[in-house]
Amino acid sequence: MMKKTLTIIFTAVVVLAVACFFFNPAKERHVDAITEHYAKKFSVDSQNAVDARSYSRLVLNHALKYDDYVLFSKGSMLGEPLSFGIMGHVFVLDN
């Protein structure tokens, strides 16, 4: 009985780890999530919103430090954490 329970737990952990590995968000997903998060916070007219998104994507593509930890990832800028990604989702951290 105990061996069966341990086998089930071990299998579940392995499946979860494999899923985390394959669905670890790339840097582009972090850039998109951060851009959209802050675009929603600052509502401006449509043309300025497009310009702001384009500019923020340009800056983030060059300045965002992307750390890939195989099972999850994080994005930071100037030493401050901005995002955390796992299982295909990116969570933007509000500091």
N, C-alpha and C. Protein backbone atom coordinates (compact mmCIF):
# COMPACT_ATOMS: atom_id res chain seq x y z
N MET A 1 0.83 -1.19 0.00
CA MET A 1 0.00 0.00 0.00
C MET A 1 0.87 1.26 0.00
N MET A 2 1.88 1.28 0.86
CA MET A 2 2.76 2.45 0.94
C MET A 2 3.58 2.62 -0.34
N LYS A 3 4.01 1.51 -0.93
CA LYS A 3 4.79 1.55 -2.16
C LYS A 3 3.94 2.11 -3.30
N LYS A 4 2.68 1.73 -3.36
CA LYS A 4 1.78 2.22 -4.40
C LYS A 4 1.57 3.73 -4.26
N THR A 5 1.39 4.20 -3.04
CA THR A 5 1.21 5.63 -2.78
C THR A 5 2.46 6.42 -3.19
N LEU A 6 3.62 5.91 -2.82
CA LEU A 6 4.86 6.59 -3.19
C LEU A 6 5.06 6.60 -4.70
N THR A 7 4.69 5.54 -5.37
CA THR A 7 4.80 5.48 -6.83
C THR A 7 3.89 6.51 -7.48
N ILE A 8 2.68 6.64 -6.97
CA ILE A 8 1.74 7.64 -7.51
C ILE A 8 2.27 9.05 -7.28
N ILE A 9 2.77 9.33 -6.10
CA ILE A 9 3.32 10.66 -5.79
C ILE A 9 4.52 10.95 -6.68
N PHE A 10 5.43 10.01 -6.80
CA PHE A 10 6.62 10.19 -7.63
C PHE A 10 6.23 10.43 -9.09
N THR A 11 5.27 9.66 -9.59
CA THR A 11 4.81 9.83 -10.97
C THR A 11 4.20 11.21 -11.18
N ALA A 12 3.41 11.66 -10.23
CA ALA A 12 2.78 12.99 -10.32
C ALA A 12 3.83 14.09 -10.33
N VAL A 13 4.85 13.96 -9.49
CA VAL A 13 5.92 14.96 -9.43
C VAL A 13 6.70 14.98 -10.75
N VAL A 14 6.99 13.83 -11.30
CA VAL A 14 7.71 13.76 -12.57
C VAL A 14 6.88 14.37 -13.70
N VAL A 15 5.61 14.05 -13.77
CA VAL A 15 4.73 14.61 -14.80
C VAL A 15 4.66 16.13 -14.67
N LEU A 16 4.53 16.63 -13.45
CA LEU A 16 4.49 18.07 -13.22
C LEU A 16 5.81 18.74 -13.64
N ALA A 17 6.93 18.13 -13.31
CA ALA A 17 8.23 18.69 -13.69
C ALA A 17 8.40 18.71 -15.21
N VAL A 18 7.98 17.66 -15.88
CA VAL A 18 8.07 17.61 -17.34
C VAL A 18 7.17 18.69 -17.96
N ALA A 19 5.97 18.86 -17.43
CA ALA A 19 5.07 19.90 -17.92
C ALA A 19 5.66 21.29 -17.71
N CYS A 20 6.25 21.52 -16.55
CA CYS A 20 6.90 22.81 -16.29
C CYS A 20 8.03 23.06 -17.27
N PHE A 21 8.80 22.02 -17.58
CA PHE A 21 9.90 22.15 -18.52
C PHE A 21 9.41 22.54 -19.91
N PHE A 22 8.39 21.84 -20.41
CA PHE A 22 7.92 22.09 -21.76
C PHE A 22 7.11 23.37 -21.90
N PHE A 23 6.51 23.83 -20.83
CA PHE A 23 5.68 25.04 -20.91
C PHE A 23 6.32 26.24 -20.22
N ASN A 24 7.62 26.21 -20.04
CA ASN A 24 8.34 27.35 -19.45
C ASN A 24 8.27 28.53 -20.42
N PRO A 25 7.71 29.68 -20.00
CA PRO A 25 7.55 30.81 -20.92
C PRO A 25 8.89 31.40 -21.37
N ALA A 26 8.96 31.75 -22.64
CA ALA A 26 10.15 32.38 -23.22
C ALA A 26 10.19 33.86 -22.85
N LYS A 27 11.30 34.49 -23.17
CA LYS A 27 11.48 35.92 -22.86
C LYS A 27 10.38 36.77 -23.52
N GLU A 28 10.00 36.41 -24.74
CA GLU A 28 8.97 37.18 -25.45
C GLU A 28 7.64 37.19 -24.69
N ARG A 29 7.31 36.08 -24.05
CA ARG A 29 6.08 36.02 -23.25
C ARG A 29 6.16 36.95 -22.05
N HIS A 30 7.34 37.06 -21.44
CA HIS A 30 7.53 37.98 -20.32
C HIS A 30 7.38 39.43 -20.81
N VAL A 31 8.00 39.75 -21.94
CA VAL A 31 7.89 41.10 -22.50
C VAL A 31 6.43 41.43 -22.80
N ASP A 32 5.71 40.51 -23.42
CA ASP A 32 4.29 40.74 -23.74
C ASP A 32 3.47 40.96 -22.47
N ALA A 33 3.68 40.12 -21.48
CA ALA A 33 2.89 40.23 -20.24
C ALA A 33 3.16 41.54 -19.51
N ILE A 34 4.42 41.92 -19.42
CA ILE A 34 4.77 43.18 -18.74
C ILE A 34 4.19 44.37 -19.50
N THR A 35 4.33 44.35 -20.82
CA THR A 35 3.80 45.45 -21.64
C THR A 35 2.30 45.59 -21.47
N GLU A 36 1.58 44.48 -21.57
CA GLU A 36 0.12 44.53 -21.43
C GLU A 36 -0.32 44.94 -20.03
N HIS A 37 0.39 44.47 -19.03
CA HIS A 37 0.05 44.80 -17.65
C HIS A 37 0.12 46.31 -17.42
N TYR A 38 1.21 46.92 -17.85
CA TYR A 38 1.35 48.35 -17.61
C TYR A 38 0.54 49.18 -18.58
N ALA A 39 0.24 48.66 -19.76
CA ALA A 39 -0.63 49.38 -20.69
C ALA A 39 -2.03 49.50 -20.12
N LYS A 40 -2.49 48.47 -19.42
CA LYS A 40 -3.82 48.52 -18.80
C LYS A 40 -3.85 49.49 -17.63
N LYS A 41 -2.73 49.63 -16.94
CA LYS A 41 -2.68 50.55 -15.80
C LYS A 41 -2.75 52.01 -16.22
N PHE A 42 -2.15 52.31 -17.35
CA PHE A 42 -2.10 53.69 -17.82
C PHE A 42 -2.96 53.82 -19.06
N SER A 43 -4.19 54.24 -18.87
CA SER A 43 -5.09 54.35 -20.02
C SER A 43 -4.85 55.68 -20.72
N VAL A 44 -4.59 55.59 -22.00
CA VAL A 44 -4.39 56.78 -22.85
C VAL A 44 -5.16 56.53 -24.14
N ASP A 45 -5.21 57.55 -25.03
CA ASP A 45 -5.92 57.34 -26.29
C ASP A 45 -5.24 56.27 -27.12
N SER A 46 -5.94 55.77 -28.11
CA SER A 46 -5.49 54.57 -28.84
C SER A 46 -4.14 54.75 -29.54
N GLN A 47 -3.90 55.89 -30.17
CA GLN A 47 -2.63 56.07 -30.88
C GLN A 47 -1.46 56.13 -29.89
N ASN A 48 -1.64 56.84 -28.78
CA ASN A 48 -0.57 56.90 -27.78
C ASN A 48 -0.35 55.54 -27.14
N ALA A 49 -1.41 54.75 -27.00
CA ALA A 49 -1.28 53.41 -26.42
C ALA A 49 -0.45 52.52 -27.34
N VAL A 50 -0.67 52.61 -28.63
CA VAL A 50 0.11 51.82 -29.59
C VAL A 50 1.58 52.24 -29.54
N ASP A 51 1.83 53.55 -29.51
CA ASP A 51 3.20 54.05 -29.43
C ASP A 51 3.88 53.61 -28.14
N ALA A 52 3.15 53.70 -27.03
CA ALA A 52 3.72 53.32 -25.73
C ALA A 52 4.03 51.83 -25.70
N ARG A 53 3.15 51.01 -26.24
CA ARG A 53 3.41 49.56 -26.28
C ARG A 53 4.63 49.24 -27.13
N SER A 54 4.74 49.89 -28.28
CA SER A 54 5.88 49.64 -29.17
C SER A 54 7.18 50.05 -28.50
N TYR A 55 7.16 51.21 -27.87
CA TYR A 55 8.37 51.69 -27.20
C TYR A 55 8.73 50.79 -26.00
N SER A 56 7.73 50.40 -25.22
CA SER A 56 8.03 49.57 -24.05
C SER A 56 8.54 48.19 -24.48
N ARG A 57 8.00 47.64 -25.57
CA ARG A 57 8.52 46.36 -26.08
C ARG A 57 9.97 46.50 -26.52
N LEU A 58 10.29 47.60 -27.19
CA LEU A 58 11.66 47.84 -27.63
C LEU A 58 12.61 47.91 -26.44
N VAL A 59 12.22 48.66 -25.42
CA VAL A 59 13.06 48.81 -24.23
C VAL A 59 13.19 47.47 -23.50
N LEU A 60 12.07 46.80 -23.30
CA LEU A 60 12.10 45.52 -22.58
C LEU A 60 12.90 44.45 -23.32
N ASN A 61 12.81 44.42 -24.64
CA ASN A 61 13.58 43.43 -25.40
C ASN A 61 15.08 43.59 -25.17
N HIS A 62 15.52 44.80 -24.93
CA HIS A 62 16.96 45.03 -24.72
C HIS A 62 17.36 45.07 -23.25
N ALA A 63 16.48 45.53 -22.39
CA ALA A 63 16.87 45.75 -20.99
C ALA A 63 16.42 44.65 -20.03
N LEU A 64 15.44 43.86 -20.42
CA LEU A 64 14.93 42.82 -19.52
C LEU A 64 15.94 41.70 -19.39
N LYS A 65 16.29 41.38 -18.17
CA LYS A 65 17.18 40.24 -17.91
C LYS A 65 16.28 39.04 -17.70
N TYR A 66 16.42 38.08 -18.60
CA TYR A 66 15.60 36.87 -18.57
C TYR A 66 16.42 35.74 -17.96
N ASP A 67 15.91 35.17 -16.88
CA ASP A 67 16.58 34.04 -16.23
C ASP A 67 15.74 32.80 -16.41
N ASP A 68 16.32 31.80 -17.08
CA ASP A 68 15.63 30.54 -17.33
C ASP A 68 16.14 29.50 -16.34
N TYR A 69 15.25 29.04 -15.47
CA TYR A 69 15.61 28.04 -14.46
C TYR A 69 15.06 26.66 -14.82
N VAL A 70 14.90 26.39 -16.10
CA VAL A 70 14.44 25.15 -16.69
C VAL A 70 12.96 24.86 -16.39
N LEU A 71 12.56 24.85 -15.13
CA LEU A 71 11.17 24.57 -14.78
C LEU A 71 10.32 25.83 -14.64
N PHE A 72 10.97 26.97 -14.46
CA PHE A 72 10.29 28.26 -14.39
C PHE A 72 11.27 29.33 -14.86
N SER A 73 10.78 30.54 -15.03
CA SER A 73 11.64 31.64 -15.48
C SER A 73 11.23 32.92 -14.79
N LYS A 74 12.14 33.89 -14.82
CA LYS A 74 11.81 35.19 -14.24
C LYS A 74 12.44 36.28 -15.08
N GLY A 75 11.83 37.43 -15.03
CA GLY A 75 12.34 38.60 -15.72
C GLY A 75 12.60 39.71 -14.73
N SER A 76 13.72 40.40 -14.92
CA SER A 76 14.05 41.51 -14.01
C SER A 76 14.73 42.62 -14.80
N MET A 77 14.69 43.81 -14.23
CA MET A 77 15.35 44.96 -14.83
C MET A 77 15.96 45.78 -13.71
N LEU A 78 17.21 46.14 -13.89
CA LEU A 78 17.95 46.92 -12.89
C LEU A 78 17.93 46.24 -11.52
N GLY A 79 17.98 44.92 -11.53
CA GLY A 79 18.00 44.16 -10.29
C GLY A 79 16.65 43.97 -9.63
N GLU A 80 15.61 44.56 -10.18
CA GLU A 80 14.27 44.44 -9.60
C GLU A 80 13.47 43.37 -10.36
N PRO A 81 12.88 42.41 -9.65
CA PRO A 81 12.08 41.39 -10.34
C PRO A 81 10.81 42.01 -10.92
N LEU A 82 10.51 41.67 -12.17
CA LEU A 82 9.32 42.20 -12.83
C LEU A 82 8.28 41.12 -13.13
N SER A 83 8.75 39.89 -13.39
CA SER A 83 7.80 38.85 -13.78
C SER A 83 8.31 37.47 -13.37
N PHE A 84 7.34 36.56 -13.27
CA PHE A 84 7.63 35.17 -12.93
C PHE A 84 6.80 34.30 -13.86
N GLY A 85 7.43 33.34 -14.52
CA GLY A 85 6.73 32.50 -15.48
C GLY A 85 6.82 31.04 -15.13
N ILE A 86 5.68 30.36 -15.22
CA ILE A 86 5.64 28.92 -14.97
C ILE A 86 4.41 28.35 -15.68
N MET A 87 4.55 27.14 -16.22
CA MET A 87 3.45 26.42 -16.86
C MET A 87 2.74 27.26 -17.94
N GLY A 88 3.50 28.02 -18.71
CA GLY A 88 2.93 28.79 -19.80
C GLY A 88 2.31 30.12 -19.39
N HIS A 89 2.32 30.44 -18.13
CA HIS A 89 1.75 31.70 -17.65
C HIS A 89 2.85 32.61 -17.12
N VAL A 90 2.68 33.91 -17.35
CA VAL A 90 3.61 34.89 -16.82
C VAL A 90 2.84 35.80 -15.87
N PHE A 91 3.34 35.90 -14.66
CA PHE A 91 2.73 36.75 -13.64
C PHE A 91 3.62 37.97 -13.46
N VAL A 92 3.02 39.15 -13.62
CA VAL A 92 3.77 40.40 -13.47
C VAL A 92 3.70 40.77 -12.00
N LEU A 93 4.87 41.06 -11.44
CA LEU A 93 4.97 41.41 -10.03
C LEU A 93 4.84 42.91 -9.88
N ASP A 94 3.91 43.34 -9.05
CA ASP A 94 3.76 44.76 -8.74
C ASP A 94 4.61 45.07 -7.53
N ASN A 95 5.58 45.91 -7.71
CA ASN A 95 6.48 46.28 -6.59
C ASN A 95 5.94 47.45 -5.83
